[in-house]
Amino acid sequence: LGSDAMEGWLYKRGKEPKPWAKRWFVLVDGRMSYFSSADDTRGTPKWSVALAHKTSASVSGEDARQLIVSIGTEAYTLRAETPQEASTWAGAFNTIGAAHPAGAVPAHPPPAAPSAPANGGAPGG
């Protein structure tokens, strides 16, 4: 992994009433992905999201192991094993966020310009 990459165990919160689920998270090449285990990283992630939107993270005031990660308009609650790990992960997300300030990278590619029909634009061709 590069200098702006990070990987390790985090817990993600499932839909209520599911408990926290331990997953191997990978933060690399502007994406956050998770896998069932570190051994699965050569395959397809269970989930992945591009961090092209404004990204930031903070450690929860209620639980120092808990992170609130904001990516665009979405917020994700994750939990690390220790407060130190939570702080390290938050720093990694914030480093990416500083590289992609709001509006610097479009959320979606701009729509392609419509191409002219082969018949010069005449209807019914």
Foldseek 3Di string as FASTA:
>chain_A
DDPLKDWDWKWFCDDPPDHTQIWIWICPPQKIFTDRDPVCVVDDGPDMDGQLAQWAKDQDPVDLQWIWIDRHPDTTIMGHPDSVVNVVVRVSRVVVNVVRDHPNGDPDPDDDDDDADPVRNDPPD
